[in-house]
Protein backbone atom coordinates (compact mmCIF):
# COMPACT_ATOMS: atom_id res chain seq x y z
CA MET A 1 17.18 -101.33 153.76
CA PRO A 2 15.03 -100.19 151.45
CA ALA A 3 15.67 -100.87 147.91
CA THR A 4 16.26 -97.48 146.90
CA SER A 5 17.11 -94.14 148.67
CA PRO A 6 15.11 -91.02 148.78
CA GLN A 7 17.88 -89.27 146.90
CA THR A 8 18.38 -91.84 144.09
CA LEU A 9 17.96 -90.22 140.49
CA HIS A 10 15.89 -92.32 138.52
CA PRO A 11 16.10 -91.97 134.93
CA GLN A 12 13.19 -92.15 132.54
CA VAL A 13 12.82 -95.19 130.20
CA LEU A 14 13.63 -95.18 127.14
CA ARG A 15 11.15 -93.35 123.86
CA ALA A 16 10.87 -94.11 120.23
CA GLY A 17 12.65 -91.68 119.06
CA ASP A 18 15.04 -90.90 121.76
CA ALA A 19 19.26 -90.56 121.10
CA VAL A 20 21.41 -93.20 122.83
CA ALA A 21 25.17 -93.14 123.08
CA LEU A 22 27.31 -95.54 122.48
CA VAL A 23 30.73 -95.13 123.77
CA SER A 24 33.68 -97.46 124.38
CA PRO A 25 35.26 -96.34 128.22
CA ALA A 26 37.51 -99.52 128.46
CA GLY A 27 38.59 -101.80 126.22
CA PRO A 28 37.99 -102.03 122.03
CA VAL A 29 35.93 -103.49 120.17
CA ASP A 30 35.10 -105.06 117.10
CA PRO A 31 33.47 -102.26 114.44
CA GLY A 32 31.15 -105.36 113.23
CA LYS A 33 29.58 -105.86 116.37
CA ILE A 34 28.70 -102.07 117.17
CA ASP A 35 27.09 -102.19 113.48
CA ALA A 36 24.80 -104.60 114.79
CA ALA A 37 24.03 -102.72 117.67
CA VAL A 38 23.28 -100.19 115.51
CA ALA A 39 20.63 -102.01 113.30
CA VAL A 40 19.10 -103.30 116.49
CA LEU A 41 18.92 -99.91 118.33
CA LYS A 42 17.42 -97.96 115.08
CA GLY A 43 14.71 -101.07 115.28
CA TRP A 44 13.32 -100.33 118.16
CA GLY A 45 13.03 -97.00 116.79
CA LEU A 46 15.94 -95.08 118.78
CA ARG A 47 18.51 -92.78 117.29
CA PRO A 48 22.11 -94.35 118.49
CA ARG A 49 24.96 -92.27 118.27
CA VAL A 50 28.61 -93.94 118.36
CA TYR A 51 31.00 -91.11 119.93
CA PRO A 52 34.39 -90.80 118.15
CA HIS A 53 36.49 -92.58 120.09
CA ALA A 54 33.94 -95.33 120.49
CA LEU A 55 35.66 -97.45 117.54
CA GLY A 56 39.23 -96.99 118.19
CA LYS A 57 42.26 -98.70 119.47
CA TYR A 58 45.22 -97.53 121.59
CA SER A 59 47.16 -100.72 123.22
CA PHE A 60 44.23 -102.74 125.17
CA TYR A 61 42.54 -99.46 124.89
CA SER A 62 39.48 -97.92 122.64
CA GLY A 63 41.63 -94.95 122.94
CA THR A 64 43.63 -92.76 125.52
CA ASP A 65 42.49 -91.88 128.90
CA GLU A 66 41.66 -88.62 127.62
CA GLU A 67 39.77 -89.66 124.50
CA ARG A 68 37.50 -92.12 126.44
CA LEU A 69 36.88 -89.65 129.39
CA ALA A 70 36.09 -86.69 126.45
CA ASP A 71 33.02 -89.72 124.70
CA LEU A 72 32.24 -90.41 127.98
CA ASN A 73 31.67 -86.48 129.68
CA ALA A 74 30.42 -85.46 126.04
CA ALA A 75 27.60 -88.08 126.34
CA LEU A 76 26.61 -87.60 130.04
CA ALA A 77 26.48 -83.73 129.18
CA ASP A 78 24.04 -84.07 126.22
CA PRO A 79 20.55 -83.02 127.11
CA GLU A 80 19.67 -85.08 123.93
CA ILE A 81 21.01 -88.17 125.20
CA ARG A 82 18.59 -90.04 127.20
CA ALA A 83 21.12 -93.27 127.36
CA VAL A 84 24.78 -93.91 127.63
CA ILE A 85 25.47 -97.67 126.14
CA CYS A 86 28.91 -99.03 126.89
CA ASN A 87 30.01 -101.26 124.23
CA ARG A 88 32.19 -103.34 126.15
CA GLY A 89 33.88 -104.08 129.22
CA GLY A 90 37.85 -105.19 129.11
CA TYR A 91 39.77 -102.23 131.09
CA GLY A 92 40.31 -99.05 131.39
CA VAL A 93 37.38 -97.27 133.32
CA GLN A 94 39.27 -97.18 136.81
CA ARG A 95 42.35 -94.96 135.09
CA ILE A 96 39.06 -92.55 134.50
CA VAL A 97 36.37 -92.53 136.65
CA GLN A 98 37.45 -90.15 138.88
CA GLN A 99 37.24 -87.72 136.54
CA VAL A 100 33.74 -88.37 135.07
CA ASP A 101 31.42 -85.01 135.24
CA MET A 102 29.04 -85.68 138.25
CA ASP A 103 27.76 -82.35 138.18
CA ALA A 104 26.35 -83.40 134.53
CA VAL A 105 24.86 -86.48 135.71
CA ARG A 106 23.15 -84.58 138.66
CA ARG A 107 21.78 -82.16 136.19
CA ASP A 108 20.61 -84.90 134.05
CA SER A 109 19.96 -88.07 134.89
CA LYS A 110 20.33 -90.82 132.10
CA LEU A 111 20.54 -94.34 131.94
CA VAL A 112 23.56 -96.03 131.55
CA THR A 113 24.08 -100.04 130.82
CA GLY A 114 27.29 -102.05 130.67
CA PHE A 115 29.33 -104.58 132.87
CA SER A 116 32.53 -105.92 133.74
CA ASP A 117 35.02 -103.18 133.61
CA ILE A 118 32.01 -100.90 133.68
CA THR A 119 31.33 -101.70 137.46
CA ALA A 120 33.93 -98.96 137.85
CA LEU A 121 31.62 -96.41 136.61
CA HIS A 122 28.61 -97.46 138.18
CA GLY A 123 30.17 -97.71 141.84
CA ALA A 124 31.35 -94.12 140.92
CA LEU A 125 27.88 -92.80 139.57
CA TRP A 126 26.09 -94.28 142.93
CA ASN A 127 28.75 -92.77 145.18
CA HIS A 128 28.64 -89.29 143.90
CA ALA A 129 25.33 -88.74 142.17
CA ARG A 130 23.39 -91.55 143.55
CA LEU A 131 22.15 -92.75 140.00
CA ALA A 132 20.73 -96.05 139.34
CA THR A 133 22.47 -97.67 136.88
CA ILE A 134 21.77 -100.97 135.18
CA HIS A 135 24.68 -103.76 135.36
CA GLY A 136 23.53 -105.60 132.09
CA PRO A 137 24.43 -106.43 128.79
CA VAL A 138 26.84 -104.10 126.61
CA ALA A 139 26.42 -103.03 122.59
CA SER A 140 28.61 -105.32 121.19
CA GLN A 141 26.37 -108.63 122.60
CA LEU A 142 23.12 -107.31 120.45
CA GLU A 143 24.42 -108.96 117.87
CA ARG A 144 23.29 -112.39 119.93
CA GLY A 145 20.13 -111.91 120.04
CA GLY A 146 17.97 -113.71 122.32
CA LEU A 147 17.76 -113.00 125.62
CA PHE A 148 20.44 -110.16 124.95
CA VAL A 149 18.04 -108.31 122.82
CA SER A 150 14.98 -108.78 124.87
CA GLY A 151 16.70 -108.12 128.09
CA MET A 152 18.09 -104.95 127.17
CA HIS A 153 14.67 -103.94 125.43
CA HIS A 154 12.86 -104.58 128.71
CA VAL A 155 15.31 -102.80 131.40
CA LEU A 156 15.80 -99.33 128.86
CA MET A 157 12.20 -99.22 127.36
CA SER A 158 9.99 -100.87 130.21
CA THR A 159 8.31 -100.02 133.06
CA GLU A 160 7.86 -103.22 134.21
CA PRO A 161 10.11 -104.68 136.89
CA VAL A 162 12.80 -106.78 135.98
CA LEU A 163 12.12 -110.03 137.27
CA LEU A 164 15.41 -112.39 137.86
CA LYS A 165 15.29 -116.11 138.38
CA ALA A 166 17.93 -118.35 139.17
CA ASP A 167 19.18 -120.94 136.59
CA HIS A 168 18.68 -124.51 138.28
CA ALA A 169 21.64 -125.71 135.44
CA SER A 170 24.09 -122.57 136.19
CA PRO A 171 27.52 -123.89 137.54
CA THR A 172 27.06 -121.65 140.45
CA ALA A 173 23.66 -123.03 141.42
CA LYS A 174 25.04 -124.95 143.98
CA VAL A 175 25.70 -122.07 145.88
CA ARG A 176 22.30 -121.10 146.58
CA THR A 177 21.15 -121.23 150.32
CA GLY A 178 17.19 -120.57 151.38
CA GLY A 179 15.61 -117.22 152.83
CA SER A 180 14.89 -113.86 152.14
CA ALA A 181 16.51 -110.69 151.59
CA GLN A 182 15.94 -106.94 150.83
CA GLY A 183 18.56 -104.05 150.24
CA LEU A 184 19.67 -101.84 147.54
CA LEU A 185 21.53 -104.26 144.81
CA LEU A 186 25.33 -103.35 143.87
CA GLY A 187 28.20 -104.58 142.54
CA GLY A 188 29.06 -106.67 139.60
CA ASN A 189 32.29 -107.93 138.36
CA LEU A 190 34.46 -109.44 141.26
CA CYS A 191 37.73 -108.52 140.20
CA ILE A 192 36.58 -104.93 140.00
CA LEU A 193 35.14 -104.74 143.21
CA ASP A 194 37.85 -106.33 144.58
CA THR A 195 40.36 -103.47 142.86
CA SER A 196 38.00 -100.80 144.67
CA VAL A 197 38.34 -101.41 148.10
CA GLY A 198 39.67 -98.42 149.45
CA THR A 199 38.59 -96.21 146.37
CA PRO A 200 36.41 -92.86 146.10
CA PHE A 201 34.00 -95.32 144.08
CA MET A 202 33.68 -98.52 146.31
CA PRO A 203 30.21 -97.97 147.28
CA ASP A 204 29.20 -98.65 151.07
CA MET A 205 27.79 -102.38 151.00
CA THR A 206 26.27 -101.95 154.73
CA GLY A 207 22.89 -103.64 154.48
CA ALA A 208 23.27 -104.52 150.50
CA ILE A 209 22.65 -107.20 148.39
CA LEU A 210 25.78 -107.37 146.73
CA LEU A 211 25.75 -108.97 143.24
CA ILE A 212 28.97 -110.81 141.81
CA GLU A 213 30.05 -112.05 138.24
CA GLU A 214 33.52 -112.70 136.75
CA VAL A 215 34.62 -114.56 133.37
CA ASN A 216 37.99 -116.71 133.13
CA GLU A 217 39.49 -116.53 136.20
CA PRO A 218 40.68 -119.58 138.08
CA ALA A 219 39.28 -120.89 141.13
CA TYR A 220 41.86 -119.90 143.47
CA ARG A 221 41.49 -116.28 141.68
CA VAL A 222 38.30 -116.02 143.22
CA ASP A 223 38.37 -117.45 146.33
CA ARG A 224 41.47 -114.82 146.96
CA MET A 225 38.89 -111.97 145.82
CA LEU A 226 36.50 -113.01 148.01
CA THR A 227 38.44 -113.53 150.63
CA HIS A 228 39.94 -110.18 150.51
CA LEU A 229 36.28 -108.67 150.32
CA GLY A 230 35.66 -110.70 153.56
CA ASN A 231 38.74 -109.99 155.57
CA CYS A 232 37.87 -106.20 154.92
CA GLY A 233 34.80 -106.80 156.73
CA ILE A 234 32.66 -106.04 153.46
CA LEU A 235 30.76 -109.73 153.05
CA ALA A 236 29.93 -109.47 156.97
CA ARG A 237 27.53 -106.23 156.80
CA LEU A 238 25.51 -107.53 153.62
CA ALA A 239 22.15 -108.34 153.65
CA GLY A 240 22.64 -110.94 150.66
CA ILE A 241 24.62 -111.91 147.82
CA ALA A 242 23.32 -112.14 144.18
CA VAL A 243 25.28 -114.78 142.23
CA GLY A 244 25.96 -114.05 138.68
CA GLU A 245 27.32 -115.65 135.70
CA PHE A 246 30.95 -117.24 136.39
CA THR A 247 32.50 -118.48 133.38
CA PRO A 248 34.73 -121.13 134.18
CA GLY A 249 38.64 -120.91 133.95
CA ASP A 250 41.10 -122.51 134.33
CA ASN A 251 41.61 -124.79 137.35
CA ASN A 252 37.67 -124.07 137.48
């Protein structure tokens, strides 16, 4: 399978002066972390806009389903916005993803970045608009500096290829096997992928390279999720698996 398809929408990289949206389609976020993110983005010459409900809190969401969806769709439909940067993951995207304005996405493709719960949004944007998105840092991580800042700057503002190298010190390094594979890079958070099976936002993984990452999940749950994907026939159809960061949980 080729790395992309002829129908793939590839948004343009950002340039100084571009406006970018900061939205929270899932969980609530520390306002101080978004203040830091705004400062970083302004330092790149961008014009960050924090959307109305991005700093809110409603139970374990940043707002009601209607509020979070309104922010996301407004950002996707605004012709001035050139990137939609999710502030954090958490939980909540699956509750609103089927109401995302895919017509707006097809009319005017923009960069979309985030990870964890944002995996559901990535899957939906690929399935219904063939938008190539970025499974990468969220805005609330920019305050950490280092690779979070340099990595996001590279994927958002550079046309140079992104080369990912294995970290031999990572706990997941032992699962690495020899060989090579080519295919669409799809996937993201393992829990979200597992609970997306059978939904309209689960991509067809045939011939793809499956990216998986997870945080604070016990080993038995990781095993259970992988077993479920295997029992569904998904793993057998893959060209390869790219193992991202697995932050240890209990019983790791």
